[in-house]
Protein backbone atom coordinates (compact mmCIF):
# COMPACT_ATOMS: atom_id res chain seq x y z
CA MET A 1 -6.09 -55.11 -39.02
CA GLY A 2 -8.90 -55.89 -41.82
CA ASP A 3 -11.25 -54.29 -44.27
CA GLU A 4 -13.40 -51.39 -43.65
CA LEU A 5 -16.35 -53.21 -44.67
CA LEU A 6 -17.33 -56.43 -42.92
CA GLU A 7 -20.01 -58.73 -43.49
CA SER A 8 -21.60 -61.23 -40.97
CA THR A 9 -24.59 -62.20 -43.47
CA PRO A 10 -26.95 -60.66 -43.48
CA PHE A 11 -25.31 -57.76 -41.58
CA PHE A 12 -22.56 -55.48 -43.06
CA ILE A 13 -20.55 -52.84 -40.71
CA VAL A 14 -18.42 -50.25 -42.16
CA THR A 15 -15.88 -48.25 -39.97
CA GLU A 16 -16.59 -44.78 -38.90
CA GLU A 17 -14.30 -43.35 -41.41
CA LEU A 18 -16.23 -45.19 -44.23
CA ALA A 19 -19.57 -44.34 -42.80
CA HIS A 20 -18.35 -40.39 -42.93
CA ALA A 21 -17.53 -41.04 -46.75
CA ILE A 22 -20.54 -42.37 -47.38
CA LEU A 23 -22.67 -39.88 -45.35
CA THR A 24 -20.86 -37.09 -47.13
CA SER A 25 -21.24 -38.33 -50.65
CA PRO A 26 -24.60 -38.01 -52.78
CA LEU A 27 -25.40 -41.90 -52.62
CA LYS A 28 -28.69 -43.22 -51.55
CA GLY A 29 -30.44 -46.28 -50.54
CA TYR A 30 -28.86 -46.95 -47.20
CA LEU A 31 -29.21 -46.47 -43.26
CA LEU A 32 -26.20 -46.07 -40.77
CA ASP A 33 -27.07 -47.18 -37.24
CA GLU A 34 -25.48 -47.74 -33.86
CA VAL A 35 -23.83 -51.41 -33.62
CA GLU A 36 -22.22 -52.83 -30.27
CA ILE A 37 -18.84 -54.79 -30.83
CA THR A 38 -17.69 -57.10 -28.31
CA LEU A 39 -14.40 -58.90 -28.07
CA SER A 40 -13.96 -62.50 -27.51
CA ASP A 41 -11.38 -63.95 -25.03
CA GLU A 42 -9.56 -65.61 -27.93
CA PHE A 43 -9.32 -62.41 -29.59
CA LYS A 44 -8.09 -60.53 -26.50
CA GLU A 45 -5.53 -62.92 -25.98
CA LEU A 46 -4.31 -63.25 -29.52
CA TYR A 47 -4.34 -59.41 -30.11
CA PRO A 48 -3.58 -58.05 -26.60
CA ASN A 49 -2.74 -54.69 -27.72
CA GLU A 50 -5.17 -54.20 -30.96
CA THR A 51 -7.41 -51.37 -30.73
CA LEU A 52 -10.52 -51.80 -33.03
CA PRO A 53 -11.81 -48.69 -35.01
CA ASN A 54 -15.56 -47.63 -34.19
CA PHE A 55 -17.98 -49.02 -36.43
CA LYS A 56 -21.64 -48.52 -37.61
CA ARG A 57 -23.99 -50.84 -39.42
CA LEU A 58 -24.84 -50.37 -42.74
CA ILE A 59 -28.34 -51.14 -43.83
CA PRO A 60 -28.80 -51.31 -47.84
CA LEU A 61 -32.41 -50.55 -48.61
CA GLY A 62 -32.49 -51.33 -52.09
CA LYS A 63 -33.07 -54.72 -53.86
CA VAL A 64 -31.97 -56.58 -56.68
CA PHE A 65 -32.22 -60.07 -58.34
CA VAL A 66 -28.89 -61.57 -58.84
CA GLU A 67 -28.22 -64.75 -61.31
CA GLU A 68 -24.82 -65.91 -61.86
CA ASN A 69 -22.91 -62.48 -63.04
CA ASN A 70 -26.24 -60.75 -64.07
CA TYR A 71 -28.69 -58.54 -62.22
CA LEU A 72 -32.70 -57.58 -63.02
CA ASP A 73 -35.31 -55.92 -60.63
CA TRP A 74 -32.72 -53.54 -59.45
CA SER A 75 -34.59 -50.65 -57.33
CA ARG A 76 -32.34 -47.93 -58.45
CA GLU A 77 -30.64 -47.70 -55.22
CA ASP A 78 -26.95 -47.45 -54.57
CA PHE A 79 -26.79 -49.97 -52.01
CA CYS A 80 -28.66 -53.27 -52.68
CA LEU A 81 -29.62 -56.58 -50.62
CA SER A 82 -29.68 -59.26 -53.39
CA GLN A 83 -31.93 -62.32 -52.90
CA ASN A 84 -28.94 -64.35 -51.57
CA LEU A 85 -28.47 -61.51 -49.03
CA TYR A 86 -25.25 -60.47 -50.52
CA LEU A 87 -24.42 -56.61 -50.73
CA VAL A 88 -24.61 -55.27 -54.24
CA VAL A 89 -23.39 -51.67 -54.91
CA TYR A 90 -23.85 -49.30 -57.81
CA THR A 91 -20.65 -48.26 -59.52
CA THR A 92 -21.15 -44.32 -57.68
CA ALA A 93 -21.01 -46.65 -54.34
CA PHE A 94 -18.36 -48.74 -55.46
CA GLU A 95 -16.15 -45.38 -56.27
CA VAL A 96 -16.45 -44.59 -52.52
CA LEU A 97 -16.05 -47.68 -51.00
CA LYS A 98 -12.73 -48.50 -53.03
CA LYS A 99 -10.97 -45.35 -51.76
CA HIS A 100 -10.92 -47.38 -48.07
CA GLN A 101 -9.35 -50.61 -47.26
CA LEU A 102 -11.30 -53.55 -49.05
CA ASN A 103 -8.21 -56.01 -49.07
CA TYR A 104 -10.38 -58.83 -48.47
CA CYS A 105 -13.72 -58.05 -49.70
CA ASP A 106 -14.93 -60.19 -53.00
CA VAL A 107 -15.98 -58.15 -55.95
CA PHE A 108 -17.51 -59.19 -58.89
CA GLU A 109 -18.97 -56.94 -62.00
CA LEU A 110 -22.52 -57.63 -62.84
CA ASN A 111 -24.24 -57.07 -66.04
CA LYS A 112 -27.92 -56.08 -66.83
CA ASP A 113 -29.73 -59.47 -67.80
């Protein structure tokens, strides 16, 4: 139905399939936690036969400062949260993420300031 990485600032959730891919990789700088997903009456009415996948909460532990398309003060973690509460991932994390469905995800390449 949608992407395997979803955001509702400042929270991020990933499908269990993507969570497994992250867990079995050498990536660092994150926690995965349980999350409760509820469906609105409107969703149930619009998608009566839709079954959502199970999700995990993705908690980025790293920090990075982003200004325009530049970054600085990166904590060297694969998953970071910027001062504007954006999820910022290092190249190795993006390689894992892009093997999964991310059709609606905004992706910007950052340069070291």
